[in-house]
PDB file of N, CA and C in Angstrom:
ATOM      1  N   UNK A   1      -7.466 -13.266  27.648  1.00  0.00           N
ATOM      2  CA  UNK A   1      -6.975 -14.567  27.267  1.00  0.00           C
ATOM      3  C   UNK A   1      -5.481 -14.528  26.992  1.00  0.00           C
ATOM      4  N   UNK A   2      -5.028 -13.549  26.241  1.00  0.00           N
ATOM      5  CA  UNK A   2      -3.625 -13.451  25.882  1.00  0.00           C
ATOM      6  C   UNK A   2      -2.941 -12.429  26.787  1.00  0.00           C
ATOM      7  N   UNK A   3      -1.744 -12.756  27.239  1.00  0.00           N
ATOM      8  CA  UNK A   3      -1.057 -11.881  28.182  1.00  0.00           C
ATOM      9  C   UNK A   3      -0.196 -10.831  27.501  1.00  0.00           C
ATOM     10  N   UNK A   4       0.299 -11.128  26.319  1.00  0.00           N
ATOM     11  CA  UNK A   4       1.178 -10.191  25.625  1.00  0.00           C
ATOM     12  C   UNK A   4       0.375  -9.030  25.064  1.00  0.00           C
ATOM     13  N   UNK A   5       1.085  -7.976  24.706  1.00  0.00           N
ATOM     14  CA  UNK A   5       0.433  -6.820  24.091  1.00  0.00           C
ATOM     15  C   UNK A   5       1.052  -6.600  22.710  1.00  0.00           C
ATOM     16  N   UNK A   6       0.250  -6.164  21.778  1.00  0.00           N
ATOM     17  CA  UNK A   6       0.728  -5.843  20.443  1.00  0.00           C
ATOM     18  C   UNK A   6       0.823  -4.332  20.342  1.00  0.00           C
ATOM     19  N   UNK A   7       1.909  -3.855  19.772  1.00  0.00           N
ATOM     20  CA  UNK A   7       2.069  -2.424  19.559  1.00  0.00           C
ATOM     21  C   UNK A   7       1.616  -2.110  18.137  1.00  0.00           C
ATOM     22  N   UNK A   8       0.464  -1.477  18.000  1.00  0.00           N
ATOM     23  CA  UNK A   8      -0.087  -1.157  16.684  1.00  0.00           C
ATOM     24  C   UNK A   8      -0.200   0.346  16.524  1.00  0.00           C
ATOM     25  N   UNK A   9       0.025   0.802  15.309  1.00  0.00           N
ATOM     26  CA  UNK A   9      -0.192   2.210  14.981  1.00  0.00           C
ATOM     27  C   UNK A   9      -1.518   2.304  14.254  1.00  0.00           C
ATOM     28  N   UNK A  10      -2.354   3.202  14.687  1.00  0.00           N
ATOM     29  CA  UNK A  10      -3.740   3.249  14.215  1.00  0.00           C
ATOM     30  C   UNK A  10      -3.938   3.948  12.882  1.00  0.00           C
ATOM     31  N   UNK A  11      -2.921   4.487  12.272  1.00  0.00           N
ATOM     32  CA  UNK A  11      -3.127   5.253  11.049  1.00  0.00           C
ATOM     33  C   UNK A  11      -3.157   4.370   9.808  1.00  0.00           C
ATOM     34  N   UNK A  12      -4.255   4.430   9.074  1.00  0.00           N
ATOM     35  CA  UNK A  12      -4.417   3.731   7.803  1.00  0.00           C
ATOM     36  C   UNK A  12      -4.074   2.251   7.858  1.00  0.00           C
ATOM     37  N   UNK A  13      -4.416   1.590   8.933  1.00  0.00           N
ATOM     38  CA  UNK A  13      -4.143   0.181   9.097  1.00  0.00           C
ATOM     39  C   UNK A  13      -5.318  -0.633   8.563  1.00  0.00           C
ATOM     40  N   UNK A  14      -5.026  -1.765   7.985  1.00  0.00           N
ATOM     41  CA  UNK A  14      -6.084  -2.675   7.563  1.00  0.00           C
ATOM     42  C   UNK A  14      -6.243  -3.763   8.619  1.00  0.00           C
ATOM     43  N   UNK A  15      -7.413  -4.378   8.645  1.00  0.00           N
ATOM     44  CA  UNK A  15      -7.607  -5.471   9.588  1.00  0.00           C
ATOM     45  C   UNK A  15      -6.694  -6.632   9.236  1.00  0.00           C
ATOM     46  N   UNK A  16      -6.418  -6.851   7.968  1.00  0.00           N
ATOM     47  CA  UNK A  16      -5.509  -7.940   7.589  1.00  0.00           C
ATOM     48  C   UNK A  16      -4.108  -7.702   8.159  1.00  0.00           C
ATOM     49  N   UNK A  17      -3.659  -6.451   8.239  1.00  0.00           N
ATOM     50  CA  UNK A  17      -2.350  -6.175   8.838  1.00  0.00           C
ATOM     51  C   UNK A  17      -2.376  -6.422  10.347  1.00  0.00           C
ATOM     52  N   UNK A  18      -3.511  -6.143  10.980  1.00  0.00           N
ATOM     53  CA  UNK A  18      -3.663  -6.452  12.401  1.00  0.00           C
ATOM     54  C   UNK A  18      -3.587  -7.968  12.598  1.00  0.00           C
ATOM     55  N   UNK A  19      -4.272  -8.716  11.729  1.00  0.00           N
ATOM     56  CA  UNK A  19      -4.226 -10.175  11.829  1.00  0.00           C
ATOM     57  C   UNK A  19      -2.798 -10.699  11.696  1.00  0.00           C
ATOM     58  N   UNK A  20      -2.046 -10.173  10.743  1.00  0.00           N
ATOM     59  CA  UNK A  20      -0.653 -10.624  10.576  1.00  0.00           C
ATOM     60  C   UNK A  20       0.142 -10.381  11.858  1.00  0.00           C
ATOM     61  N   UNK A  21      -0.066  -9.235  12.476  1.00  0.00           N
ATOM     62  CA  UNK A  21       0.637  -8.926  13.732  1.00  0.00           C
ATOM     63  C   UNK A  21       0.211  -9.881  14.850  1.00  0.00           C
ATOM     64  N   UNK A  22      -1.066 -10.177  14.917  1.00  0.00           N
ATOM     65  CA  UNK A  22      -1.570 -11.108  15.931  1.00  0.00           C
ATOM     66  C   UNK A  22      -0.991 -12.502  15.699  1.00  0.00           C
ATOM     67  N   UNK A  23      -1.024 -12.965  14.463  1.00  0.00           N
ATOM     68  CA  UNK A  23      -0.496 -14.296  14.150  1.00  0.00           C
ATOM     69  C   UNK A  23       0.977 -14.403  14.550  1.00  0.00           C
ATOM     70  N   UNK A  24       1.732 -13.377  14.239  1.00  0.00           N
ATOM     71  CA  UNK A  24       3.167 -13.391  14.546  1.00  0.00           C
ATOM     72  C   UNK A  24       3.419 -13.286  16.053  1.00  0.00           C
ATOM     73  N   UNK A  25       2.739 -12.379  16.712  1.00  0.00           N
ATOM     74  CA  UNK A  25       2.962 -12.147  18.145  1.00  0.00           C
ATOM     75  C   UNK A  25       2.528 -13.326  19.003  1.00  0.00           C
ATOM     76  N   UNK A  26       1.370 -13.884  18.696  1.00  0.00           N
ATOM     77  CA  UNK A  26       0.804 -14.932  19.542  1.00  0.00           C
ATOM     78  C   UNK A  26       0.991 -16.344  18.989  1.00  0.00           C
ATOM     79  N   UNK A  27       1.612 -16.484  17.832  1.00  0.00           N
ATOM     80  CA  UNK A  27       1.815 -17.799  17.202  1.00  0.00           C
ATOM     81  C   UNK A  27       0.495 -18.559  17.047  1.00  0.00           C
ATOM     82  N   UNK A  28      -0.509 -17.855  16.534  1.00  0.00           N
ATOM     83  CA  UNK A  28      -1.794 -18.481  16.238  1.00  0.00           C
ATOM     84  C   UNK A  28      -1.989 -18.489  14.726  1.00  0.00           C
ATOM     85  N   UNK A  29      -3.007 -19.188  14.277  1.00  0.00           N
ATOM     86  CA  UNK A  29      -3.239 -19.304  12.838  1.00  0.00           C
ATOM     87  C   UNK A  29      -4.727 -19.168  12.517  1.00  0.00           C
ATOM     88  N   UNK A  30      -5.038 -19.351  11.261  1.00  0.00           N
ATOM     89  CA  UNK A  30      -6.409 -19.212  10.772  1.00  0.00           C
ATOM     90  C   UNK A  30      -7.367 -20.139  11.507  1.00  0.00           C
ATOM     91  N   UNK A  31      -6.971 -21.393  11.680  1.00  0.00           N
ATOM     92  CA  UNK A  31      -7.845 -22.369  12.332  1.00  0.00           C
ATOM     93  C   UNK A  31      -8.138 -21.975  13.780  1.00  0.00           C
ATOM     94  N   UNK A  32      -7.116 -21.525  14.508  1.00  0.00           N
ATOM     95  CA  UNK A  32      -7.299 -21.092  15.892  1.00  0.00           C
ATOM     96  C   UNK A  32      -8.273 -19.930  15.944  1.00  0.00           C
ATOM     97  N   UNK A  33      -8.042 -18.932  15.107  1.00  0.00           N
ATOM     98  CA  UNK A  33      -8.893 -17.746  15.120  1.00  0.00           C
ATOM     99  C   UNK A  33     -10.325 -18.107  14.733  1.00  0.00           C
ATOM    100  N   UNK A  34     -10.473 -18.960  13.739  1.00  0.00           N
ATOM    101  CA  UNK A  34     -11.798 -19.403  13.309  1.00  0.00           C
ATOM    102  C   UNK A  34     -12.561 -20.035  14.466  1.00  0.00           C
ATOM    103  N   UNK A  35     -11.896 -20.898  15.200  1.00  0.00           N
ATOM    104  CA  UNK A  35     -12.537 -21.569  16.326  1.00  0.00           C
ATOM    105  C   UNK A  35     -12.893 -20.577  17.439  1.00  0.00           C
ATOM    106  N   UNK A  36     -11.956 -19.738  17.814  1.00  0.00           N
ATOM    107  CA  UNK A  36     -12.181 -18.798  18.917  1.00  0.00           C
ATOM    108  C   UNK A  36     -13.216 -17.735  18.576  1.00  0.00           C
ATOM    109  N   UNK A  37     -13.249 -17.321  17.308  1.00  0.00           N
ATOM    110  CA  UNK A  37     -14.180 -16.264  16.891  1.00  0.00           C
ATOM    111  C   UNK A  37     -15.519 -16.827  16.411  1.00  0.00           C
ATOM    112  N   UNK A  38     -15.635 -18.164  16.399  1.00  0.00           N
ATOM    113  CA  UNK A  38     -16.851 -18.825  15.923  1.00  0.00           C
ATOM    114  C   UNK A  38     -17.218 -18.339  14.516  1.00  0.00           C
ATOM    115  N   UNK A  39     -16.193 -18.311  13.676  1.00  0.00           N
ATOM    116  CA  UNK A  39     -16.358 -17.902  12.276  1.00  0.00           C
ATOM    117  C   UNK A  39     -15.783 -19.000  11.400  1.00  0.00           C
ATOM    118  N   UNK A  40     -16.291 -19.129  10.208  1.00  0.00           N
ATOM    119  CA  UNK A  40     -15.770 -20.159   9.309  1.00  0.00           C
ATOM    120  C   UNK A  40     -14.335 -19.816   8.898  1.00  0.00           C
ATOM    121  N   UNK A  41     -13.596 -20.849   8.535  1.00  0.00           N
ATOM    122  CA  UNK A  41     -12.231 -20.629   8.050  1.00  0.00           C
ATOM    123  C   UNK A  41     -12.276 -19.762   6.795  1.00  0.00           C
ATOM    124  N   UNK A  42     -13.273 -19.967   5.959  1.00  0.00           N
ATOM    125  CA  UNK A  42     -13.409 -19.153   4.751  1.00  0.00           C
ATOM    126  C   UNK A  42     -13.576 -17.675   5.058  1.00  0.00           C
ATOM    127  N   UNK A  43     -14.360 -17.366   6.088  1.00  0.00           N
ATOM    128  CA  UNK A  43     -14.554 -15.969   6.470  1.00  0.00           C
ATOM    129  C   UNK A  43     -13.264 -15.381   7.028  1.00  0.00           C
ATOM    130  N   UNK A  44     -12.558 -16.118   7.863  1.00  0.00           N
ATOM    131  CA  UNK A  44     -11.292 -15.631   8.413  1.00  0.00           C
ATOM    132  C   UNK A  44     -10.295 -15.384   7.282  1.00  0.00           C
ATOM    133  N   UNK A  45     -10.293 -16.259   6.293  1.00  0.00           N
ATOM    134  CA  UNK A  45      -9.402 -16.049   5.140  1.00  0.00           C
ATOM    135  C   UNK A  45      -9.762 -14.772   4.387  1.00  0.00           C
ATOM    136  N   UNK A  46     -11.056 -14.447   4.310  1.00  0.00           N
ATOM    137  CA  UNK A  46     -11.466 -13.191   3.688  1.00  0.00           C
ATOM    138  C   UNK A  46     -10.951 -12.003   4.494  1.00  0.00           C
ATOM    139  N   UNK A  47     -10.971 -12.114   5.827  1.00  0.00           N
ATOM    140  CA  UNK A  47     -10.396 -11.059   6.672  1.00  0.00           C
ATOM    141  C   UNK A  47      -8.906 -10.926   6.382  1.00  0.00           C
ATOM    142  N   UNK A  48      -8.229 -12.063   6.267  1.00  0.00           N
ATOM    143  CA  UNK A  48      -6.785 -12.058   6.012  1.00  0.00           C
ATOM    144  C   UNK A  48      -6.449 -11.401   4.675  1.00  0.00           C
ATOM    145  N   UNK A  49      -7.305 -11.613   3.678  1.00  0.00           N
ATOM    146  CA  UNK A  49      -7.065 -11.097   2.334  1.00  0.00           C
ATOM    147  C   UNK A  49      -7.651  -9.700   2.115  1.00  0.00           C
ATOM    148  N   UNK A  50      -8.273  -9.147   3.123  1.00  0.00           N
ATOM    149  CA  UNK A  50      -8.863  -7.819   2.986  1.00  0.00           C
ATOM    150  C   UNK A  50     -10.138  -7.794   2.174  1.00  0.00           C
ATOM    151  N   UNK A  51     -10.789  -8.954   2.030  1.00  0.00           N
ATOM    152  CA  UNK A  51     -12.013  -9.043   1.244  1.00  0.00           C
ATOM    153  C   UNK A  51     -13.262  -8.806   2.084  1.00  0.00           C
ATOM    154  N   UNK A  52     -13.114  -8.833   3.408  1.00  0.00           N
ATOM    155  CA  UNK A  52     -14.242  -8.627   4.315  1.00  0.00           C
ATOM    156  C   UNK A  52     -13.707  -8.136   5.653  1.00  0.00           C
ATOM    157  N   UNK A  53     -14.601  -7.572   6.439  1.00  0.00           N
ATOM    158  CA  UNK A  53     -14.265  -7.128   7.784  1.00  0.00           C
ATOM    159  C   UNK A  53     -15.180  -7.822   8.785  1.00  0.00           C
ATOM    160  N   UNK A  54     -14.713  -8.005  10.014  1.00  0.00           N
ATOM    161  CA  UNK A  54     -15.560  -8.618  11.034  1.00  0.00           C
ATOM    162  C   UNK A  54     -16.762  -7.734  11.377  1.00  0.00           C
ATOM    163  N   UNK A  55     -17.751  -8.354  11.988  1.00  0.00           N
ATOM    164  CA  UNK A  55     -18.900  -7.606  12.502  1.00  0.00           C
ATOM    165  C   UNK A  55     -18.472  -6.851  13.762  1.00  0.00           C
ATOM    166  N   UNK A  56     -19.311  -5.969  14.217  1.00  0.00           N
ATOM    167  CA  UNK A  56     -19.013  -5.210  15.450  1.00  0.00           C
ATOM    168  C   UNK A  56     -18.764  -6.172  16.614  1.00  0.00           C
ATOM    169  N   UNK A  57     -19.606  -7.194  16.763  1.00  0.00           N
ATOM    170  CA  UNK A  57     -19.460  -8.180  17.840  1.00  0.00           C
ATOM    171  C   UNK A  57     -18.129  -8.921  17.706  1.00  0.00           C
ATOM    172  N   UNK A  58     -17.773  -9.285  16.485  1.00  0.00           N
ATOM    173  CA  UNK A  58     -16.500  -9.981  16.280  1.00  0.00           C
ATOM    174  C   UNK A  58     -15.317  -9.067  16.609  1.00  0.00           C
ATOM    175  N   UNK A  59     -15.428  -7.796  16.247  1.00  0.00           N
ATOM    176  CA  UNK A  59     -14.382  -6.839  16.636  1.00  0.00           C
ATOM    177  C   UNK A  59     -14.262  -6.773  18.164  1.00  0.00           C
ATOM    178  N   UNK A  60     -15.399  -6.731  18.851  1.00  0.00           N
ATOM    179  CA  UNK A  60     -15.386  -6.657  20.312  1.00  0.00           C
ATOM    180  C   UNK A  60     -14.726  -7.896  20.918  1.00  0.00           C
ATOM    181  N   UNK A  61     -15.072  -9.071  20.391  1.00  0.00           N
ATOM    182  CA  UNK A  61     -14.470 -10.318  20.881  1.00  0.00           C
ATOM    183  C   UNK A  61     -12.970 -10.354  20.598  1.00  0.00           C
ATOM    184  N   UNK A  62     -12.585  -9.940  19.400  1.00  0.00           N
ATOM    185  CA  UNK A  62     -11.174  -9.915  19.004  1.00  0.00           C
ATOM    186  C   UNK A  62     -10.401  -8.944  19.892  1.00  0.00           C
ATOM    187  N   UNK A  63     -10.987  -7.796  20.150  1.00  0.00           N
ATOM    188  CA  UNK A  63     -10.381  -6.788  21.012  1.00  0.00           C
ATOM    189  C   UNK A  63     -10.100  -7.354  22.401  1.00  0.00           C
ATOM    190  N   UNK A  64     -11.090  -8.022  22.963  1.00  0.00           N
ATOM    191  CA  UNK A  64     -10.941  -8.598  24.296  1.00  0.00           C
ATOM    192  C   UNK A  64      -9.919  -9.735  24.313  1.00  0.00           C
ATOM    193  N   UNK A  65      -9.928 -10.545  23.288  1.00  0.00           N
ATOM    194  CA  UNK A  65      -9.050 -11.708  23.232  1.00  0.00           C
ATOM    195  C   UNK A  65      -7.571 -11.322  23.136  1.00  0.00           C
ATOM    196  N   UNK A  66      -7.280 -10.287  22.358  1.00  0.00           N
ATOM    197  CA  UNK A  66      -5.886  -9.942  22.085  1.00  0.00           C
ATOM    198  C   UNK A  66      -5.465  -8.597  22.677  1.00  0.00           C
ATOM    199  N   UNK A  67      -6.288  -8.027  23.551  1.00  0.00           N
ATOM    200  CA  UNK A  67      -5.968  -6.767  24.239  1.00  0.00           C
ATOM    201  C   UNK A  67      -5.607  -5.648  23.267  1.00  0.00           C
ATOM    202  N   UNK A  68      -6.399  -5.557  22.195  1.00  0.00           N
ATOM    203  CA  UNK A  68      -6.228  -4.496  21.205  1.00  0.00           C
ATOM    204  C   UNK A  68      -7.410  -3.541  21.383  1.00  0.00           C
ATOM    205  N   UNK A  69      -7.150  -2.274  21.569  1.00  0.00           N
ATOM    206  CA  UNK A  69      -8.268  -1.342  21.764  1.00  0.00           C
ATOM    207  C   UNK A  69      -9.296  -1.417  20.629  1.00  0.00           C
ATOM    208  N   UNK A  70     -10.555  -1.470  21.004  1.00  0.00           N
ATOM    209  CA  UNK A  70     -11.629  -1.548  20.017  1.00  0.00           C
ATOM    210  C   UNK A  70     -11.565  -0.367  19.054  1.00  0.00           C
ATOM    211  N   UNK A  71     -11.187   0.794  19.534  1.00  0.00           N
ATOM    212  CA  UNK A  71     -11.125   1.982  18.669  1.00  0.00           C
ATOM    213  C   UNK A  71     -10.138   1.780  17.522  1.00  0.00           C
ATOM    214  N   UNK A  72      -9.052   1.080  17.769  1.00  0.00           N
ATOM    215  CA  UNK A  72      -8.081   0.794  16.692  1.00  0.00           C
ATOM    216  C   UNK A  72      -8.704  -0.135  15.670  1.00  0.00           C
ATOM    217  N   UNK A  73      -9.380  -1.169  16.139  1.00  0.00           N
ATOM    218  CA  UNK A  73      -9.986  -2.128  15.207  1.00  0.00           C
ATOM    219  C   UNK A  73     -11.074  -1.470  14.370  1.00  0.00           C
ATOM    220  N   UNK A  74     -11.893  -0.638  14.997  1.00  0.00           N
ATOM    221  CA  UNK A  74     -12.981   0.006  14.257  1.00  0.00           C
ATOM    222  C   UNK A  74     -12.474   1.030  13.246  1.00  0.00           C
ATOM    223  N   UNK A  75     -11.247   1.498  13.423  1.00  0.00           N
ATOM    224  CA  UNK A  75     -10.690   2.448  12.473  1.00  0.00           C
ATOM    225  C   UNK A  75      -9.995   1.774  11.293  1.00  0.00           C
ATOM    226  N   UNK A  76      -9.931   0.454  11.312  1.00  0.00           N
ATOM    227  CA  UNK A  76      -9.279  -0.274  10.216  1.00  0.00           C
ATOM    228  C   UNK A  76     -10.051  -0.117   8.914  1.00  0.00           C
ATOM    229  N   UNK A  77      -9.291   0.068   7.847  1.00  0.00           N
ATOM    230  CA  UNK A  77      -9.924   0.080   6.536  1.00  0.00           C
ATOM    231  C   UNK A  77      -9.866  -1.321   5.957  1.00  0.00           C
ATOM    232  N   UNK A  78     -10.631  -1.539   4.902  1.00  0.00           N
ATOM    233  CA  UNK A  78     -10.742  -2.886   4.343  1.00  0.00           C
ATOM    234  C   UNK A  78      -9.504  -3.292   3.555  1.00  0.00           C
ATOM    235  N   UNK A  79      -9.065  -2.457   2.628  1.00  0.00           N
ATOM    236  CA  UNK A  79      -7.932  -2.832   1.766  1.00  0.00           C
ATOM    237  C   UNK A  79      -6.838  -1.805   1.829  1.00  0.00           C
ATOM    238  N   UNK A  80      -5.618  -2.267   1.543  1.00  0.00           N
ATOM    239  CA  UNK A  80      -4.458  -1.362   1.516  1.00  0.00           C
ATOM    240  C   UNK A  80      -4.408  -0.601   0.221  1.00  0.00           C
TER     241      UNK A  80
END
């Protein structure tokens, strides 16, 4: 879906930091991600705040949507 690539370093990264990079790189927001990921805005906000992590399926969808290797997403920790 997205043509650009994000340069992420896989060491000790949180999913919320990945989201910040995605938001900045692709100029998307919580509402866009909520709609595309079929997740509530409240759940996406929990991802943003490091209070929750996506499911395996959501990681797979996110990986495909933003061309981020699934292995990087699965290595994300919850909180900084």
